[in-house]
Protein backbone atom coordinates (compact mmCIF):
# COMPACT_ATOMS: atom_id res chain seq x y z
CA MET A 1 -31.10 -33.27 -11.88
CA PHE A 2 -34.69 -32.08 -12.18
CA ASP A 3 -35.94 -35.27 -10.30
CA SER A 4 -38.83 -33.94 -8.12
CA PRO A 5 -42.57 -33.07 -9.27
CA ASP A 6 -41.65 -29.67 -10.21
CA TYR A 7 -40.20 -30.74 -13.62
CA PRO A 8 -41.63 -33.01 -16.15
CA LYS A 9 -38.51 -35.98 -15.80
CA PRO A 10 -35.37 -36.23 -14.73
CA LEU A 11 -32.25 -35.19 -16.63
CA GLU A 12 -29.28 -37.64 -16.86
CA GLU A 13 -26.30 -35.75 -15.34
CA SER A 14 -24.04 -37.13 -17.86
CA LEU A 15 -25.88 -35.91 -20.56
CA PHE A 16 -25.80 -32.32 -18.89
CA GLU A 17 -21.90 -32.61 -18.61
CA ARG A 18 -21.61 -33.72 -22.30
CA TRP A 19 -23.73 -30.25 -23.41
CA LEU A 20 -21.12 -28.31 -21.14
CA GLU A 21 -18.45 -29.78 -22.85
CA GLN A 22 -20.07 -28.85 -26.14
CA GLY A 23 -20.82 -25.36 -25.36
CA ARG A 24 -17.20 -25.21 -23.94
CA ARG A 25 -15.39 -26.62 -27.09
CA SER A 26 -17.74 -24.51 -29.60
CA PRO A 27 -15.96 -21.89 -31.34
CA ILE A 28 -18.63 -19.49 -30.86
CA PRO A 29 -17.96 -17.76 -27.24
CA TYR A 30 -20.93 -18.91 -25.56
CA ALA A 31 -21.29 -17.95 -21.95
CA TYR A 32 -24.75 -19.57 -20.76
CA ILE A 33 -26.65 -23.36 -21.15
CA LEU A 34 -30.18 -23.11 -21.39
CA VAL A 35 -32.02 -26.36 -20.57
CA ILE A 36 -35.13 -25.95 -22.40
CA TRP A 37 -38.02 -28.34 -22.13
CA ASP A 38 -39.93 -29.08 -25.47
CA GLU A 39 -43.44 -30.17 -24.37
CA LEU A 40 -44.05 -31.93 -27.84
CA ASP A 41 -40.88 -33.85 -28.09
CA GLY A 42 -40.97 -34.79 -24.33
CA CYS A 43 -37.79 -34.07 -23.94
CA TYR A 44 -34.84 -31.35 -22.84
CA LEU A 45 -32.67 -29.45 -24.90
CA PRO A 46 -29.78 -27.26 -24.81
CA VAL A 47 -29.54 -23.93 -26.12
CA TYR A 48 -26.16 -22.00 -25.84
CA THR A 49 -26.25 -17.89 -25.65
CA GLN A 50 -23.72 -15.41 -25.28
CA SER A 51 -25.41 -12.96 -23.47
CA ARG A 52 -28.37 -13.09 -20.62
CA SER A 53 -30.84 -11.10 -22.41
CA GLU A 54 -31.05 -13.83 -25.26
CA MET A 55 -32.34 -15.79 -22.25
CA ASN A 56 -35.39 -13.84 -22.72
CA GLN A 57 -36.73 -15.49 -25.67
CA PHE A 58 -37.95 -18.40 -23.50
CA ALA A 59 -40.68 -17.95 -21.24
CA ARG A 60 -40.28 -20.08 -17.82
CA PHE A 61 -41.32 -23.20 -17.25
CA GLY A 62 -44.69 -23.56 -15.57
CA ALA A 63 -45.54 -20.08 -16.51
CA SER A 64 -46.42 -20.48 -20.18
CA PRO A 65 -48.14 -22.67 -22.69
CA ASP A 66 -45.36 -22.47 -25.12
CA GLN A 67 -44.05 -25.62 -26.88
CA ARG A 68 -40.51 -24.89 -25.39
CA SER A 69 -40.03 -23.78 -22.03
CA MET A 70 -36.78 -22.55 -19.67
CA VAL A 71 -36.23 -24.66 -16.90
CA ALA A 72 -32.64 -23.32 -15.98
CA ALA A 73 -30.03 -21.52 -16.98
CA TYR A 74 -26.19 -22.11 -16.09
CA ASP A 75 -22.94 -20.42 -16.49
CA LEU A 76 -21.21 -22.61 -18.78
CA TYR A 77 -17.85 -22.45 -16.95
CA SER A 78 -18.97 -22.17 -13.30
CA GLU A 79 -21.69 -24.27 -13.93
CA SER A 80 -23.45 -22.07 -11.29
CA ARG A 81 -27.29 -21.98 -11.71
CA ILE A 82 -27.95 -18.36 -12.67
CA LEU A 83 -32.44 -19.42 -13.42
C-alpha cells in the first residue's frame, strides 16, 4: 500500500490487515481507521475513530508541516477508502 512517490514509504499489506482486525476486535465500537504518518519516527500509525468528525483532528498528509498527518481513512468493516 502507498507504494508511489506521493507517499513517504510503502505500508505492508499484512500490517494494515492486522490493524483492521485490532480495530474490529476492540471493545470500543470503532467505525474507522486512520492511517497516520509520523514524520519524526518515519512510520505509519493506526488511529481508530468512532465518527468522521474525529478525522478533523489530523491535517492531511502533504498539506501541513505537522509531525503527524493523515494519509488515508478507511471504513473498518467494508475496508473502503473514505479519504
